[in-house]
Amino acid sequence: MVRTLGKLLLVAALAAPLVACATNASAGAGSSGSPSVSPSPSRPSLLNPTPTPVASAAAGDRALLEAALGTWGDAAGAYLTFTPDGRVLGSDGCNGIGGTFAASGDVISLTRTPSTMKACPDVDTWLSGVRSVKIDAEQLIILDRGATEIGTLPRTA
């Protein structure tokens, strides 16, 4: 009986923060019951970004976006695939990468969705820092948050 009571108290103690988070997330959400998410100016929301199909992009941006379509990758297993529906998916060789993409001048910006964060022994996870890309012939130039080049990927398909 004492063991069962102890287990119940442990479960209740572990569940309390989760219940509090769920309650706070929906507080002030209005009558819909869905949490309201407001991205801050410095950090865009990463929750379910809506992709824009390449065919719907402005005429000036469409050529750049079409040039990105397909798969870019290296022998170590890092790759990015840009799809006509405006989604990007890939891997740094260990963890998945996903999101949406859009043209921003001569750069393609990525809005990342949450991805896995596994420990990856003996894997260089440099591609996980991608925030935008540029295209130079058959090379995809990978840029980080500060628009600094962190690597390149050749076109594979």
Protein backbone atom coordinates (compact mmCIF):
# COMPACT_ATOMS: atom_id res chain seq x y z
CA MET A 1 0.00 0.00 0.00
CA VAL A 2 2.82 2.43 0.88
CA ARG A 3 4.62 1.61 -2.38
CA THR A 4 1.47 2.22 -4.43
CA LEU A 5 0.82 5.54 -2.68
CA GLY A 6 4.45 6.53 -3.27
CA LYS A 7 4.16 5.71 -6.97
CA LEU A 8 0.93 7.70 -7.27
CA LEU A 9 2.55 10.72 -5.60
CA LEU A 10 5.54 10.46 -7.93
CA VAL A 11 3.32 10.31 -11.00
CA ALA A 12 1.28 13.29 -9.76
CA ALA A 13 4.45 15.31 -9.09
CA LEU A 14 5.78 14.57 -12.57
CA ALA A 15 2.47 15.33 -14.28
CA ALA A 16 1.83 18.65 -12.51
CA PRO A 17 4.26 20.73 -14.65
CA LEU A 18 2.79 19.23 -17.83
CA VAL A 19 -0.74 20.14 -16.78
CA ALA A 20 0.42 23.65 -15.89
CA CYS A 21 2.05 24.07 -19.32
CA ALA A 22 -1.08 22.89 -21.10
CA THR A 23 -3.23 25.21 -19.01
CA ASN A 24 -0.97 28.22 -19.60
CA ALA A 25 -0.69 27.55 -23.33
CA SER A 26 -4.42 27.74 -23.77
CA ALA A 27 -5.03 30.65 -21.39
CA GLY A 28 -6.32 33.64 -23.28
CA ALA A 29 -6.66 31.64 -26.46
CA GLY A 30 -10.22 32.74 -27.03
CA SER A 31 -13.20 30.49 -27.51
CA SER A 32 -11.58 28.25 -30.11
CA GLY A 33 -9.55 26.35 -27.53
CA SER A 34 -6.42 26.63 -29.69
CA PRO A 35 -3.36 28.34 -28.29
CA SER A 36 -2.60 31.69 -29.82
CA VAL A 37 0.94 31.99 -31.16
CA SER A 38 2.44 35.39 -31.81
CA PRO A 39 5.90 35.36 -33.32
CA SER A 40 8.27 37.94 -31.92
CA PRO A 41 9.99 40.24 -34.42
CA SER A 42 13.37 38.61 -33.79
CA ARG A 43 12.20 34.97 -33.81
CA PRO A 44 9.61 33.91 -36.38
CA SER A 45 7.15 31.23 -35.40
CA LEU A 46 8.29 27.76 -36.35
CA LEU A 47 4.87 26.22 -35.84
CA ASN A 48 3.42 24.84 -39.07
CA PRO A 49 4.67 27.44 -41.56
CA THR A 50 2.37 27.44 -44.57
CA PRO A 51 4.28 26.63 -47.75
CA THR A 52 3.77 28.69 -50.88
CA PRO A 53 3.86 26.65 -54.08
CA VAL A 54 6.63 27.75 -56.42
CA ALA A 55 4.06 28.24 -59.21
CA SER A 56 2.29 30.85 -57.02
CA ALA A 57 5.43 32.92 -56.38
CA ALA A 58 5.82 36.35 -57.90
CA ALA A 59 7.23 36.21 -61.43
CA GLY A 60 10.56 37.73 -60.37
CA ASP A 61 11.03 35.14 -57.61
CA ARG A 62 9.78 32.13 -59.55
CA ALA A 63 12.96 31.59 -61.60
CA LEU A 64 15.13 31.54 -58.46
CA LEU A 65 12.81 29.13 -56.67
CA GLU A 66 12.56 26.84 -59.72
CA ALA A 67 16.36 26.72 -59.89
CA ALA A 68 16.42 25.34 -56.34
CA LEU A 69 13.95 22.52 -56.99
CA GLY A 70 15.41 19.07 -56.61
CA THR A 71 17.96 17.50 -54.30
CA TRP A 72 21.35 18.83 -53.28
CA GLY A 73 23.62 16.57 -51.23
CA ASP A 74 27.04 15.27 -50.32
CA ALA A 75 28.68 11.88 -49.82
CA ALA A 76 28.45 12.20 -46.01
CA GLY A 77 24.64 12.04 -46.16
CA ALA A 78 23.81 15.73 -45.78
CA TYR A 79 21.12 16.81 -48.22
CA LEU A 80 18.29 19.25 -48.87
CA THR A 81 15.36 18.62 -51.21
CA PHE A 82 13.22 21.53 -52.42
CA THR A 83 9.75 20.53 -53.65
CA PRO A 84 7.38 22.40 -56.01
CA ASP A 85 4.83 22.81 -53.19
CA GLY A 86 7.22 25.10 -51.27
CA ARG A 87 8.60 22.60 -48.77
CA VAL A 88 12.21 21.77 -47.98
CA LEU A 89 13.28 18.55 -46.32
CA GLY A 90 16.58 16.90 -45.69
CA SER A 91 19.11 15.67 -43.21
CA ASP A 92 22.45 16.75 -41.80
CA GLY A 93 23.49 13.11 -42.01
CA CYS A 94 21.84 12.22 -38.69
CA ASN A 95 18.97 14.60 -37.84
CA GLY A 96 16.05 15.51 -40.05
CA ILE A 97 15.59 19.04 -41.39
CA GLY A 98 12.29 20.39 -42.67
CA GLY A 99 10.33 23.54 -43.32
CA THR A 100 9.25 25.86 -46.07
CA PHE A 101 11.16 28.18 -48.39
CA ALA A 102 10.61 31.50 -50.14
CA ALA A 103 12.63 33.93 -52.25
CA SER A 104 14.09 36.98 -50.55
CA GLY A 105 16.02 38.96 -53.16
CA ASP A 106 18.76 36.69 -54.52
CA VAL A 107 18.57 34.40 -51.47
CA ILE A 108 16.14 31.63 -50.61
CA SER A 109 15.08 31.86 -46.97
CA LEU A 110 14.04 28.80 -45.01
CA THR A 111 11.45 28.74 -42.27
CA ARG A 112 12.44 25.73 -40.24
CA THR A 113 10.09 23.39 -38.45
CA PRO A 114 11.20 21.60 -35.31
CA SER A 115 13.56 18.75 -36.10
CA THR A 116 15.21 15.89 -34.31
CA MET A 117 18.17 16.65 -32.08
CA LYS A 118 19.86 13.26 -31.72
CA ALA A 119 23.47 13.00 -30.63
CA CYS A 120 25.41 12.12 -33.75
CA PRO A 121 28.84 10.66 -33.00
CA ASP A 122 31.22 10.93 -35.93
CA VAL A 123 28.74 13.00 -37.98
CA ASP A 124 29.46 16.62 -38.92
CA THR A 125 26.06 18.27 -38.36
CA TRP A 126 26.99 21.59 -40.00
CA LEU A 127 23.88 21.57 -42.20
CA SER A 128 21.63 21.89 -39.13
CA GLY A 129 22.64 25.58 -39.07
CA VAL A 130 21.02 26.34 -42.46
CA ARG A 131 18.73 29.40 -42.51
CA SER A 132 19.03 30.44 -46.16
CA VAL A 133 20.71 29.37 -49.39
CA LYS A 134 22.09 30.85 -52.60
CA ILE A 135 22.53 29.08 -55.90
CA ASP A 136 25.82 29.30 -57.80
CA ALA A 137 25.63 27.17 -60.96
CA GLU A 138 25.34 23.58 -59.69
CA GLN A 139 26.27 24.42 -56.08
CA LEU A 140 23.89 25.30 -53.26
CA ILE A 141 25.64 27.73 -50.90
CA ILE A 142 24.42 27.17 -47.35
CA LEU A 143 24.11 30.26 -45.13
CA ASP A 144 23.59 30.40 -41.36
CA ARG A 145 21.49 32.84 -39.33
CA GLY A 146 24.10 35.60 -39.80
CA ALA A 147 24.19 35.01 -43.60
CA THR A 148 27.68 33.52 -43.28
CA GLU A 149 28.55 30.68 -45.64
CA ILE A 150 28.83 27.42 -43.69
CA GLY A 151 29.16 25.02 -46.61
CA THR A 152 28.02 23.96 -50.06
CA LEU A 153 26.08 21.06 -51.51
CA PRO A 154 26.25 19.92 -55.14
CA ARG A 155 23.09 19.15 -57.09
CA THR A 156 22.34 15.43 -57.03
CA ALA A 157 18.92 15.31 -58.68
